[in-house]
């Protein structure tokens, strides 16, 4: 029987897609139970050593008296996109047209 939490039960949305470098910041708002839940999930699914080390270190800190800080569920702009980052459909600029063949201003094209 698998006692691992399901993805939808995790305290961090899109946990599987978070960049490793952002994980320490993302878990600061979690309590001991939340970090333990992520640790159990990671061991059952990804079992990635760098992730396990981060989660185990944070769990140990919490067990030694550290308090959760920051937001419980921080935003994930690298996953959801952020308002400051334009989407591809929002990027504007001059239209890109290939040069016509025989353009006299383009030395790479033969003149007709």
PDB file of N, CA and C in Angstrom:
ATOM      1  N   UNK A   1       0.839  -1.184   0.000  1.00  0.00           N
ATOM      2  CA  UNK A   1       0.000   0.000   0.000  1.00  0.00           C
ATOM      3  C   UNK A   1       0.881   1.243   0.000  1.00  0.00           C
ATOM      4  N   UNK A   2       0.525   2.257  -0.757  1.00  0.00           N
ATOM      5  CA  UNK A   2       1.307   3.474  -0.879  1.00  0.00           C
ATOM      6  C   UNK A   2       0.741   4.534   0.058  1.00  0.00           C
ATOM      7  N   UNK A   3       1.524   4.938   1.079  1.00  0.00           N
ATOM      8  CA  UNK A   3       1.084   5.933   2.051  1.00  0.00           C
ATOM      9  C   UNK A   3       1.513   7.337   1.660  1.00  0.00           C
ATOM     10  N   UNK A   4       2.069   7.492   0.485  1.00  0.00           N
ATOM     11  CA  UNK A   4       2.528   8.785   0.010  1.00  0.00           C
ATOM     12  C   UNK A   4       1.333   9.678  -0.315  1.00  0.00           C
ATOM     13  N   UNK A   5       1.439  10.989   0.016  1.00  0.00           N
ATOM     14  CA  UNK A   5       0.349  11.896  -0.356  1.00  0.00           C
ATOM     15  C   UNK A   5       0.243  12.023  -1.878  1.00  0.00           C
ATOM     16  N   UNK A   6      -0.934  12.318  -2.332  1.00  0.00           N
ATOM     17  CA  UNK A   6      -1.158  12.545  -3.754  1.00  0.00           C
ATOM     18  C   UNK A   6      -0.729  13.964  -4.106  1.00  0.00           C
ATOM     19  N   UNK A   7      -0.427  14.204  -5.370  1.00  0.00           N
ATOM     20  CA  UNK A   7       0.031  15.517  -5.822  1.00  0.00           C
ATOM     21  C   UNK A   7      -0.933  16.623  -5.426  1.00  0.00           C
ATOM     22  N   UNK A   8      -2.227  16.389  -5.581  1.00  0.00           N
ATOM     23  CA  UNK A   8      -3.239  17.415  -5.275  1.00  0.00           C
ATOM     24  C   UNK A   8      -3.331  17.719  -3.783  1.00  0.00           C
ATOM     25  N   UNK A   9      -2.771  16.853  -2.934  1.00  0.00           N
ATOM     26  CA  UNK A   9      -2.808  17.040  -1.481  1.00  0.00           C
ATOM     27  C   UNK A   9      -1.588  17.813  -0.959  1.00  0.00           C
ATOM     28  N   UNK A  10      -0.633  18.089  -1.811  1.00  0.00           N
ATOM     29  CA  UNK A  10       0.605  18.729  -1.377  1.00  0.00           C
ATOM     30  C   UNK A  10       0.375  20.186  -0.982  1.00  0.00           C
ATOM     31  N   UNK A  11       1.138  20.685  -0.009  1.00  0.00           N
ATOM     32  CA  UNK A  11       0.965  22.064   0.445  1.00  0.00           C
ATOM     33  C   UNK A  11       1.521  23.117  -0.521  1.00  0.00           C
ATOM     34  N   UNK A  12       2.258  22.703  -1.534  1.00  0.00           N
ATOM     35  CA  UNK A  12       2.768  23.640  -2.546  1.00  0.00           C
ATOM     36  C   UNK A  12       2.177  23.287  -3.901  1.00  0.00           C
ATOM     37  N   UNK A  13       1.440  24.209  -4.517  1.00  0.00           N
ATOM     38  CA  UNK A  13       0.919  23.919  -5.850  1.00  0.00           C
ATOM     39  C   UNK A  13       2.066  23.761  -6.850  1.00  0.00           C
ATOM     40  N   UNK A  14       1.903  22.891  -7.787  1.00  0.00           N
ATOM     41  CA  UNK A  14       2.906  22.651  -8.828  1.00  0.00           C
ATOM     42  C   UNK A  14       4.275  22.288  -8.259  1.00  0.00           C
ATOM     43  N   UNK A  15       4.295  21.600  -7.133  1.00  0.00           N
ATOM     44  CA  UNK A  15       5.547  21.211  -6.481  1.00  0.00           C
ATOM     45  C   UNK A  15       6.510  20.541  -7.452  1.00  0.00           C
ATOM     46  N   UNK A  16       6.009  19.634  -8.281  1.00  0.00           N
ATOM     47  CA  UNK A  16       6.870  18.882  -9.196  1.00  0.00           C
ATOM     48  C   UNK A  16       7.559  19.757 -10.233  1.00  0.00           C
ATOM     49  N   UNK A  17       7.055  20.956 -10.453  1.00  0.00           N
ATOM     50  CA  UNK A  17       7.596  21.817 -11.510  1.00  0.00           C
ATOM     51  C   UNK A  17       8.379  23.006 -10.965  1.00  0.00           C
ATOM     52  N   UNK A  18       8.531  23.092  -9.659  1.00  0.00           N
ATOM     53  CA  UNK A  18       9.282  24.213  -9.088  1.00  0.00           C
ATOM     54  C   UNK A  18      10.776  24.029  -9.331  1.00  0.00           C
ATOM     55  N   UNK A  19      11.468  25.081  -9.734  1.00  0.00           N
ATOM     56  CA  UNK A  19      12.920  24.988  -9.880  1.00  0.00           C
ATOM     57  C   UNK A  19      13.572  24.700  -8.516  1.00  0.00           C
ATOM     58  N   UNK A  20      14.578  23.859  -8.501  1.00  0.00           N
ATOM     59  CA  UNK A  20      15.248  23.463  -7.261  1.00  0.00           C
ATOM     60  C   UNK A  20      15.738  24.690  -6.491  1.00  0.00           C
ATOM     61  N   UNK A  21      16.264  25.673  -7.195  1.00  0.00           N
ATOM     62  CA  UNK A  21      16.812  26.852  -6.538  1.00  0.00           C
ATOM     63  C   UNK A  21      15.790  27.663  -5.766  1.00  0.00           C
ATOM     64  N   UNK A  22      14.512  27.521  -6.096  1.00  0.00           N
ATOM     65  CA  UNK A  22      13.486  28.287  -5.392  1.00  0.00           C
ATOM     66  C   UNK A  22      12.871  27.513  -4.234  1.00  0.00           C
ATOM     67  N   UNK A  23      13.164  26.236  -4.122  1.00  0.00           N
ATOM     68  CA  UNK A  23      12.530  25.405  -3.097  1.00  0.00           C
ATOM     69  C   UNK A  23      12.789  25.891  -1.676  1.00  0.00           C
ATOM     70  N   UNK A  24      14.029  26.237  -1.293  1.00  0.00           N
ATOM     71  CA  UNK A  24      14.231  26.702   0.084  1.00  0.00           C
ATOM     72  C   UNK A  24      13.339  27.897   0.445  1.00  0.00           C
ATOM     73  N   UNK A  25      13.142  28.805  -0.481  1.00  0.00           N
ATOM     74  CA  UNK A  25      12.277  29.957  -0.241  1.00  0.00           C
ATOM     75  C   UNK A  25      10.817  29.535  -0.184  1.00  0.00           C
ATOM     76  N   UNK A  26      10.439  28.611  -1.023  1.00  0.00           N
ATOM     77  CA  UNK A  26       9.043  28.166  -1.101  1.00  0.00           C
ATOM     78  C   UNK A  26       8.578  27.442   0.157  1.00  0.00           C
ATOM     79  N   UNK A  27       9.489  26.764   0.842  1.00  0.00           N
ATOM     80  CA  UNK A  27       9.076  25.959   1.989  1.00  0.00           C
ATOM     81  C   UNK A  27       9.193  26.694   3.323  1.00  0.00           C
ATOM     82  N   UNK A  28       9.664  27.936   3.326  1.00  0.00           N
ATOM     83  CA  UNK A  28       9.842  28.646   4.603  1.00  0.00           C
ATOM     84  C   UNK A  28       8.522  28.883   5.331  1.00  0.00           C
ATOM     85  N   UNK A  29       7.419  28.984   4.603  1.00  0.00           N
ATOM     86  CA  UNK A  29       6.132  29.218   5.248  1.00  0.00           C
ATOM     87  C   UNK A  29       5.437  27.957   5.702  1.00  0.00           C
ATOM     88  N   UNK A  30       6.013  26.805   5.397  1.00  0.00           N
ATOM     89  CA  UNK A  30       5.372  25.541   5.762  1.00  0.00           C
ATOM     90  C   UNK A  30       5.738  25.130   7.185  1.00  0.00           C
ATOM     91  N   UNK A  31       4.785  24.495   7.842  1.00  0.00           N
ATOM     92  CA  UNK A  31       5.069  23.956   9.173  1.00  0.00           C
ATOM     93  C   UNK A  31       5.717  22.578   9.032  1.00  0.00           C
ATOM     94  N   UNK A  32       6.000  21.978  10.159  1.00  0.00           N
ATOM     95  CA  UNK A  32       6.680  20.683  10.176  1.00  0.00           C
ATOM     96  C   UNK A  32       5.892  19.619   9.406  1.00  0.00           C
ATOM     97  N   UNK A  33       4.582  19.604   9.568  1.00  0.00           N
ATOM     98  CA  UNK A  33       3.744  18.614   8.876  1.00  0.00           C
ATOM     99  C   UNK A  33       3.791  18.813   7.363  1.00  0.00           C
ATOM    100  N   UNK A  34       3.795  20.059   6.906  1.00  0.00           N
ATOM    101  CA  UNK A  34       3.844  20.340   5.469  1.00  0.00           C
ATOM    102  C   UNK A  34       5.146  19.899   4.841  1.00  0.00           C
ATOM    103  N   UNK A  35       6.249  20.191   5.513  1.00  0.00           N
ATOM    104  CA  UNK A  35       7.561  19.779   4.998  1.00  0.00           C
ATOM    105  C   UNK A  35       7.670  18.254   5.015  1.00  0.00           C
ATOM    106  N   UNK A  36       7.166  17.632   6.079  1.00  0.00           N
ATOM    107  CA  UNK A  36       7.199  16.168   6.160  1.00  0.00           C
ATOM    108  C   UNK A  36       6.374  15.543   5.038  1.00  0.00           C
ATOM    109  N   UNK A  37       5.264  16.167   4.701  1.00  0.00           N
ATOM    110  CA  UNK A  37       4.422  15.671   3.610  1.00  0.00           C
ATOM    111  C   UNK A  37       5.173  15.743   2.274  1.00  0.00           C
ATOM    112  N   UNK A  38       5.855  16.859   2.026  1.00  0.00           N
ATOM    113  CA  UNK A  38       6.645  16.985   0.798  1.00  0.00           C
ATOM    114  C   UNK A  38       7.775  15.958   0.770  1.00  0.00           C
ATOM    115  N   UNK A  39       8.394  15.739   1.907  1.00  0.00           N
ATOM    116  CA  UNK A  39       9.491  14.779   1.996  1.00  0.00           C
ATOM    117  C   UNK A  39       9.009  13.362   1.669  1.00  0.00           C
ATOM    118  N   UNK A  40       7.871  12.992   2.213  1.00  0.00           N
ATOM    119  CA  UNK A  40       7.298  11.667   1.927  1.00  0.00           C
ATOM    120  C   UNK A  40       6.959  11.541   0.449  1.00  0.00           C
ATOM    121  N   UNK A  41       6.369  12.583  -0.117  1.00  0.00           N
ATOM    122  CA  UNK A  41       6.013  12.579  -1.536  1.00  0.00           C
ATOM    123  C   UNK A  41       7.265  12.458  -2.403  1.00  0.00           C
ATOM    124  N   UNK A  42       8.284  13.240  -2.074  1.00  0.00           N
ATOM    125  CA  UNK A  42       9.525  13.225  -2.861  1.00  0.00           C
ATOM    126  C   UNK A  42      10.187  11.851  -2.824  1.00  0.00           C
ATOM    127  N   UNK A  43      10.226  11.232  -1.667  1.00  0.00           N
ATOM    128  CA  UNK A  43      10.841   9.902  -1.542  1.00  0.00           C
ATOM    129  C   UNK A  43      10.092   8.880  -2.396  1.00  0.00           C
ATOM    130  N   UNK A  44       8.778   9.014  -2.489  1.00  0.00           N
ATOM    131  CA  UNK A  44       7.971   8.047  -3.240  1.00  0.00           C
ATOM    132  C   UNK A  44       7.955   8.314  -4.740  1.00  0.00           C
ATOM    133  N   UNK A  45       8.217   9.552  -5.144  1.00  0.00           N
ATOM    134  CA  UNK A  45       8.072   9.886  -6.565  1.00  0.00           C
ATOM    135  C   UNK A  45       9.389  10.240  -7.248  1.00  0.00           C
ATOM    136  N   UNK A  46       9.984  11.355  -6.897  1.00  0.00           N
ATOM    137  CA  UNK A  46      11.207  11.781  -7.584  1.00  0.00           C
ATOM    138  C   UNK A  46      12.461  11.212  -6.961  1.00  0.00           C
ATOM    139  N   UNK A  47      12.476  11.182  -5.618  1.00  0.00           N
ATOM    140  CA  UNK A  47      13.622  10.713  -4.858  1.00  0.00           C
ATOM    141  C   UNK A  47      14.916  11.396  -5.303  1.00  0.00           C
ATOM    142  N   UNK A  48      14.829  12.716  -5.537  1.00  0.00           N
ATOM    143  CA  UNK A  48      15.982  13.501  -5.995  1.00  0.00           C
ATOM    144  C   UNK A  48      16.811  13.945  -4.788  1.00  0.00           C
ATOM    145  N   UNK A  49      18.061  13.571  -4.766  1.00  0.00           N
ATOM    146  CA  UNK A  49      18.929  13.832  -3.623  1.00  0.00           C
ATOM    147  C   UNK A  49      18.982  15.314  -3.232  1.00  0.00           C
ATOM    148  N   UNK A  50      19.190  16.263  -4.165  1.00  0.00           N
ATOM    149  CA  UNK A  50      19.250  17.668  -3.745  1.00  0.00           C
ATOM    150  C   UNK A  50      17.943  18.130  -3.072  1.00  0.00           C
ATOM    151  N   UNK A  51      16.822  17.652  -3.582  1.00  0.00           N
ATOM    152  CA  UNK A  51      15.519  18.022  -3.018  1.00  0.00           C
ATOM    153  C   UNK A  51      15.367  17.401  -1.629  1.00  0.00           C
ATOM    154  N   UNK A  52      15.721  16.129  -1.508  1.00  0.00           N
ATOM    155  CA  UNK A  52      15.637  15.459  -0.213  1.00  0.00           C
ATOM    156  C   UNK A  52      16.489  16.179   0.833  1.00  0.00           C
ATOM    157  N   UNK A  53      17.680  16.606   0.437  1.00  0.00           N
ATOM    158  CA  UNK A  53      18.565  17.304   1.372  1.00  0.00           C
ATOM    159  C   UNK A  53      17.952  18.621   1.839  1.00  0.00           C
ATOM    160  N   UNK A  54      17.370  19.370   0.920  1.00  0.00           N
ATOM    161  CA  UNK A  54      16.730  20.646   1.274  1.00  0.00           C
ATOM    162  C   UNK A  54      15.571  20.407   2.236  1.00  0.00           C
ATOM    163  N   UNK A  55      14.713  19.440   1.909  1.00  0.00           N
ATOM    164  CA  UNK A  55      13.546  19.161   2.744  1.00  0.00           C
ATOM    165  C   UNK A  55      13.955  18.615   4.118  1.00  0.00           C
ATOM    166  N   UNK A  56      14.929  17.711   4.136  1.00  0.00           N
ATOM    167  CA  UNK A  56      15.381  17.149   5.415  1.00  0.00           C
ATOM    168  C   UNK A  56      16.008  18.219   6.300  1.00  0.00           C
ATOM    169  N   UNK A  57      16.786  19.126   5.697  1.00  0.00           N
ATOM    170  CA  UNK A  57      17.418  20.206   6.458  1.00  0.00           C
ATOM    171  C   UNK A  57      16.349  21.122   7.064  1.00  0.00           C
ATOM    172  N   UNK A  58      15.331  21.459   6.267  1.00  0.00           N
ATOM    173  CA  UNK A  58      14.264  22.343   6.762  1.00  0.00           C
ATOM    174  C   UNK A  58      13.452  21.641   7.853  1.00  0.00           C
ATOM    175  N   UNK A  59      13.167  20.373   7.674  1.00  0.00           N
ATOM    176  CA  UNK A  59      12.415  19.626   8.677  1.00  0.00           C
ATOM    177  C   UNK A  59      13.196  19.579   9.991  1.00  0.00           C
ATOM    178  N   UNK A  60      14.487  19.351   9.896  1.00  0.00           N
ATOM    179  CA  UNK A  60      15.338  19.325  11.089  1.00  0.00           C
ATOM    180  C   UNK A  60      15.348  20.688  11.781  1.00  0.00           C
ATOM    181  N   UNK A  61      15.440  21.759  10.989  1.00  0.00           N
ATOM    182  CA  UNK A  61      15.409  23.113  11.556  1.00  0.00           C
ATOM    183  C   UNK A  61      14.098  23.351  12.311  1.00  0.00           C
ATOM    184  N   UNK A  62      12.987  22.944  11.711  1.00  0.00           N
ATOM    185  CA  UNK A  62      11.682  23.118  12.356  1.00  0.00           C
ATOM    186  C   UNK A  62      11.590  22.290  13.636  1.00  0.00           C
ATOM    187  N   UNK A  63      12.123  21.079  13.611  1.00  0.00           N
ATOM    188  CA  UNK A  63      12.105  20.219  14.796  1.00  0.00           C
ATOM    189  C   UNK A  63      12.995  20.779  15.908  1.00  0.00           C
ATOM    190  N   UNK A  64      13.991  21.593  15.522  1.00  0.00           N
ATOM    191  CA  UNK A  64      14.895  22.210  16.497  1.00  0.00           C
ATOM    192  C   UNK A  64      14.429  23.598  16.932  1.00  0.00           C
ATOM    193  N   UNK A  65      13.190  23.961  16.579  1.00  0.00           N
ATOM    194  CA  UNK A  65      12.634  25.214  17.083  1.00  0.00           C
ATOM    195  C   UNK A  65      12.452  26.326  16.071  1.00  0.00           C
ATOM    196  N   UNK A  66      12.878  26.146  14.842  1.00  0.00           N
ATOM    197  CA  UNK A  66      12.654  27.186  13.827  1.00  0.00           C
ATOM    198  C   UNK A  66      11.156  27.347  13.612  1.00  0.00           C
ATOM    199  N   UNK A  67      10.747  28.556  13.292  1.00  0.00           N
ATOM    200  CA  UNK A  67       9.340  28.852  13.054  1.00  0.00           C
ATOM    201  C   UNK A  67       9.106  29.068  11.557  1.00  0.00           C
ATOM    202  N   UNK A  68       7.944  28.647  11.057  1.00  0.00           N
ATOM    203  CA  UNK A  68       7.606  28.974   9.662  1.00  0.00           C
ATOM    204  C   UNK A  68       7.584  30.484   9.485  1.00  0.00           C
ATOM    205  N   UNK A  69       8.085  30.943   8.364  1.00  0.00           N
ATOM    206  CA  UNK A  69       8.083  32.379   8.079  1.00  0.00           C
ATOM    207  C   UNK A  69       7.707  32.590   6.625  1.00  0.00           C
ATOM    208  N   UNK A  70       7.265  33.763   6.317  1.00  0.00           N
ATOM    209  CA  UNK A  70       6.847  34.042   4.948  1.00  0.00           C
ATOM    210  C   UNK A  70       5.422  33.573   4.738  1.00  0.00           C
ATOM    211  N   UNK A  71       5.018  33.528   3.489  1.00  0.00           N
ATOM    212  CA  UNK A  71       3.650  33.138   3.188  1.00  0.00           C
ATOM    213  C   UNK A  71       3.518  31.627   3.168  1.00  0.00           C
ATOM    214  N   UNK A  72       2.336  31.153   3.493  1.00  0.00           N
ATOM    215  CA  UNK A  72       2.077  29.718   3.506  1.00  0.00           C
ATOM    216  C   UNK A  72       2.237  29.134   2.107  1.00  0.00           C
ATOM    217  N   UNK A  73       1.664  29.801   1.096  1.00  0.00           N
ATOM    218  CA  UNK A  73       1.776  29.329  -0.281  1.00  0.00           C
ATOM    219  C   UNK A  73       2.250  30.505  -1.127  1.00  0.00           C
ATOM    220  N   UNK A  74       3.579  30.655  -1.288  1.00  0.00           N
ATOM    221  CA  UNK A  74       4.089  31.783  -2.057  1.00  0.00           C
ATOM    222  C   UNK A  74       3.711  31.656  -3.529  1.00  0.00           C
ATOM    223  N   UNK A  75       3.619  32.788  -4.236  1.00  0.00           N
ATOM    224  CA  UNK A  75       3.304  32.734  -5.664  1.00  0.00           C
ATOM    225  C   UNK A  75       4.399  32.025  -6.442  1.00  0.00           C
ATOM    226  N   UNK A  76       4.036  31.448  -7.543  1.00  0.00           N
ATOM    227  CA  UNK A  76       5.004  30.738  -8.383  1.00  0.00           C
ATOM    228  C   UNK A  76       5.032  31.368  -9.768  1.00  0.00           C
ATOM    229  N   UNK A  77       5.661  32.544  -9.893  1.00  0.00           N
ATOM    230  CA  UNK A  77       5.649  33.217 -11.201  1.00  0.00           C
ATOM    231  C   UNK A  77       6.347  32.425 -12.290  1.00  0.00           C
ATOM    232  N   UNK A  78       7.343  31.615 -11.897  1.00  0.00           N
ATOM    233  CA  UNK A  78       8.028  30.830 -12.928  1.00  0.00           C
ATOM    234  C   UNK A  78       7.146  29.726 -13.477  1.00  0.00           C
ATOM    235  N   UNK A  79       6.059  29.407 -12.786  1.00  0.00           N
ATOM    236  CA  UNK A  79       5.133  28.387 -13.260  1.00  0.00           C
ATOM    237  C   UNK A  79       3.927  29.035 -13.921  1.00  0.00           C
ATOM    238  N   UNK A  80       3.318  29.999 -13.255  1.00  0.00           N
ATOM    239  CA  UNK A  80       2.069  30.591 -13.716  1.00  0.00           C
ATOM    240  C   UNK A  80       2.278  31.797 -14.616  1.00  0.00           C
ATOM    241  N   UNK A  81       3.467  32.312 -14.700  1.00  0.00           N
ATOM    242  CA  UNK A  81       3.709  33.556 -15.426  1.00  0.00           C
ATOM    243  C   UNK A  81       3.451  34.703 -14.471  1.00  0.00           C
ATOM    244  N   UNK A  82       4.066  35.821 -14.698  1.00  0.00           N
ATOM    245  CA  UNK A  82       3.844  36.954 -13.822  1.00  0.00           C
ATOM    246  C   UNK A  82       3.346  38.115 -14.650  1.00  0.00           C
ATOM    247  N   UNK A  83       2.693  39.080 -13.995  1.00  0.00           N
ATOM    248  CA  UNK A  83       2.168  40.213 -14.741  1.00  0.00           C
ATOM    249  C   UNK A  83       3.270  41.029 -15.409  1.00  0.00           C
ATOM    250  N   UNK A  84       4.485  40.979 -14.839  1.00  0.00           N
ATOM    251  CA  UNK A  84       5.585  41.746 -15.433  1.00  0.00           C
ATOM    252  C   UNK A  84       6.164  41.069 -16.671  1.00  0.00           C
ATOM    253  N   UNK A  85       5.918  39.793 -16.828  1.00  0.00           N
ATOM    254  CA  UNK A  85       6.480  39.049 -17.942  1.00  0.00           C
ATOM    255  C   UNK A  85       5.447  38.940 -19.055  1.00  0.00           C
ATOM    256  N   UNK A  86       5.677  39.589 -20.198  1.00  0.00           N
ATOM    257  CA  UNK A  86       4.697  39.489 -21.271  1.00  0.00           C
ATOM    258  C   UNK A  86       4.651  38.089 -21.859  1.00  0.00           C
ATOM    259  N   UNK A  87       3.484  37.668 -22.207  1.00  0.00           N
ATOM    260  CA  UNK A  87       3.314  36.384 -22.866  1.00  0.00           C
ATOM    261  C   UNK A  87       3.666  36.551 -24.344  1.00  0.00           C
ATOM    262  N   UNK A  88       3.944  35.483 -25.022  1.00  0.00           N
ATOM    263  CA  UNK A  88       4.343  35.552 -26.430  1.00  0.00           C
ATOM    264  C   UNK A  88       3.292  36.263 -27.265  1.00  0.00           C
ATOM    265  N   UNK A  89       2.034  36.073 -26.956  1.00  0.00           N
ATOM    266  CA  UNK A  89       0.977  36.705 -27.732  1.00  0.00           C
ATOM    267  C   UNK A  89       0.899  38.198 -27.475  1.00  0.00           C
ATOM    268  N   UNK A  90       1.507  38.678 -26.368  1.00  0.00           N
ATOM    269  CA  UNK A  90       1.449  40.088 -26.022  1.00  0.00           C
ATOM    270  C   UNK A  90       2.641  40.883 -26.558  1.00  0.00           C
ATOM    271  N   UNK A  91       3.663  40.203 -27.006  1.00  0.00           N
ATOM    272  CA  UNK A  91       4.853  40.882 -27.492  1.00  0.00           C
ATOM    273  C   UNK A  91       4.527  41.540 -28.830  1.00  0.00           C
ATOM    274  N   UNK A  92       4.834  42.821 -28.895  1.00  0.00           N
ATOM    275  CA  UNK A  92       4.549  43.538 -30.135  1.00  0.00           C
ATOM    276  C   UNK A  92       5.836  44.081 -30.711  1.00  0.00           C
ATOM    277  N   UNK A  93       5.804  44.382 -31.958  1.00  0.00           N
ATOM    278  CA  UNK A  93       6.963  44.912 -32.646  1.00  0.00           C
ATOM    279  C   UNK A  93       6.665  44.957 -34.125  1.00  0.00           C
ATOM    280  N   UNK A  94       7.618  45.422 -34.896  1.00  0.00           N
ATOM    281  CA  UNK A  94       7.373  45.486 -36.332  1.00  0.00           C
ATOM    282  C   UNK A  94       7.195  44.082 -36.899  1.00  0.00           C
ATOM    283  N   UNK A  95       6.374  43.937 -37.899  1.00  0.00           N
ATOM    284  CA  UNK A  95       6.203  42.614 -38.495  1.00  0.00           C
ATOM    285  C   UNK A  95       7.508  42.155 -39.134  1.00  0.00           C
ATOM    286  N   UNK A  96       7.732  40.888 -39.050  1.00  0.00           N
ATOM    287  CA  UNK A  96       8.944  40.323 -39.629  1.00  0.00           C
ATOM    288  C   UNK A  96       8.578  39.758 -40.989  1.00  0.00           C
ATOM    289  N   UNK A  97       9.083  40.378 -42.012  1.00  0.00           N
ATOM    290  CA  UNK A  97       8.840  39.928 -43.374  1.00  0.00           C
ATOM    291  C   UNK A  97      10.166  39.551 -44.011  1.00  0.00           C
ATOM    292  N   UNK A  98      10.208  38.441 -44.693  1.00  0.00           N
ATOM    293  CA  UNK A  98      11.458  38.089 -45.367  1.00  0.00           C
ATOM    294  C   UNK A  98      11.707  39.067 -46.509  1.00  0.00           C
ATOM    295  N   UNK A  99      12.969  39.334 -46.789  1.00  0.00           N
ATOM    296  CA  UNK A  99      13.246  40.241 -47.904  1.00  0.00           C
ATOM    297  C   UNK A  99      12.777  39.621 -49.218  1.00  0.00           C
ATOM    298  N   UNK A 100      12.306  40.486 -50.100  1.00  0.00           N
ATOM    299  CA  UNK A 100      11.865  39.966 -51.403  1.00  0.00           C
ATOM    300  C   UNK A 100      13.085  39.593 -52.228  1.00  0.00           C
ATOM    301  N   UNK A 101      12.913  38.667 -53.118  1.00  0.00           N
ATOM    302  CA  UNK A 101      14.021  38.255 -53.978  1.00  0.00           C
ATOM    303  C   UNK A 101      14.378  39.391 -54.929  1.00  0.00           C
ATOM    304  N   UNK A 102      15.655  39.575 -55.088  1.00  0.00           N
ATOM    305  CA  UNK A 102      16.113  40.609 -56.004  1.00  0.00           C
ATOM    306  C   UNK A 102      16.075  41.995 -55.392  1.00  0.00           C
ATOM    307  N   UNK A 103      16.059  42.108 -54.079  1.00  0.00           N
ATOM    308  CA  UNK A 103      16.032  43.410 -53.419  1.00  0.00           C
ATOM    309  C   UNK A 103      17.387  44.082 -53.623  1.00  0.00           C
ATOM    310  N   UNK A 104      17.422  45.245 -54.269  1.00  0.00           N
ATOM    311  CA  UNK A 104      18.709  45.900 -54.538  1.00  0.00           C
ATOM    312  C   UNK A 104      19.411  46.377 -53.272  1.00  0.00           C
ATOM    313  N   UNK A 105      18.698  46.505 -52.168  1.00  0.00           N
ATOM    314  CA  UNK A 105      19.337  46.946 -50.927  1.00  0.00           C
ATOM    315  C   UNK A 105      19.902  45.780 -50.121  1.00  0.00           C
ATOM    316  N   UNK A 106      19.665  44.560 -50.622  1.00  0.00           N
ATOM    317  CA  UNK A 106      20.164  43.387 -49.929  1.00  0.00           C
ATOM    318  C   UNK A 106      21.242  42.736 -50.786  1.00  0.00           C
ATOM    319  N   UNK A 107      22.524  42.913 -50.439  1.00  0.00           N
ATOM    320  CA  UNK A 107      23.606  42.385 -51.279  1.00  0.00           C
ATOM    321  C   UNK A 107      23.610  40.860 -51.366  1.00  0.00           C
ATOM    322  N   UNK A 108      22.949  40.184 -50.445  1.00  0.00           N
ATOM    323  CA  UNK A 108      22.917  38.729 -50.511  1.00  0.00           C
ATOM    324  C   UNK A 108      21.938  38.218 -51.554  1.00  0.00           C
ATOM    325  N   UNK A 109      21.075  39.073 -52.031  1.00  0.00           N
ATOM    326  CA  UNK A 109      20.076  38.680 -53.011  1.00  0.00           C
ATOM    327  C   UNK A 109      20.509  39.174 -54.401  1.00  0.00           C
ATOM    328  N   UNK A 110      20.399  38.342 -55.395  1.00  0.00           N
ATOM    329  CA  UNK A 110      20.739  38.771 -56.761  1.00  0.00           C
ATOM    330  C   UNK A 110      19.702  39.771 -57.269  1.00  0.00           C
ATOM    331  N   UNK A 111      20.154  40.691 -58.076  1.00  0.00           N
ATOM    332  CA  UNK A 111      19.223  41.653 -58.696  1.00  0.00           C
ATOM    333  C   UNK A 111      18.629  41.035 -59.946  1.00  0.00           C
ATOM    334  N   UNK A 112      17.418  41.384 -60.227  1.00  0.00           N
ATOM    335  CA  UNK A 112      16.773  40.859 -61.427  1.00  0.00           C
ATOM    336  C   UNK A 112      16.754  41.893 -62.507  1.00  0.00           C
TER     337      UNK A 112
END
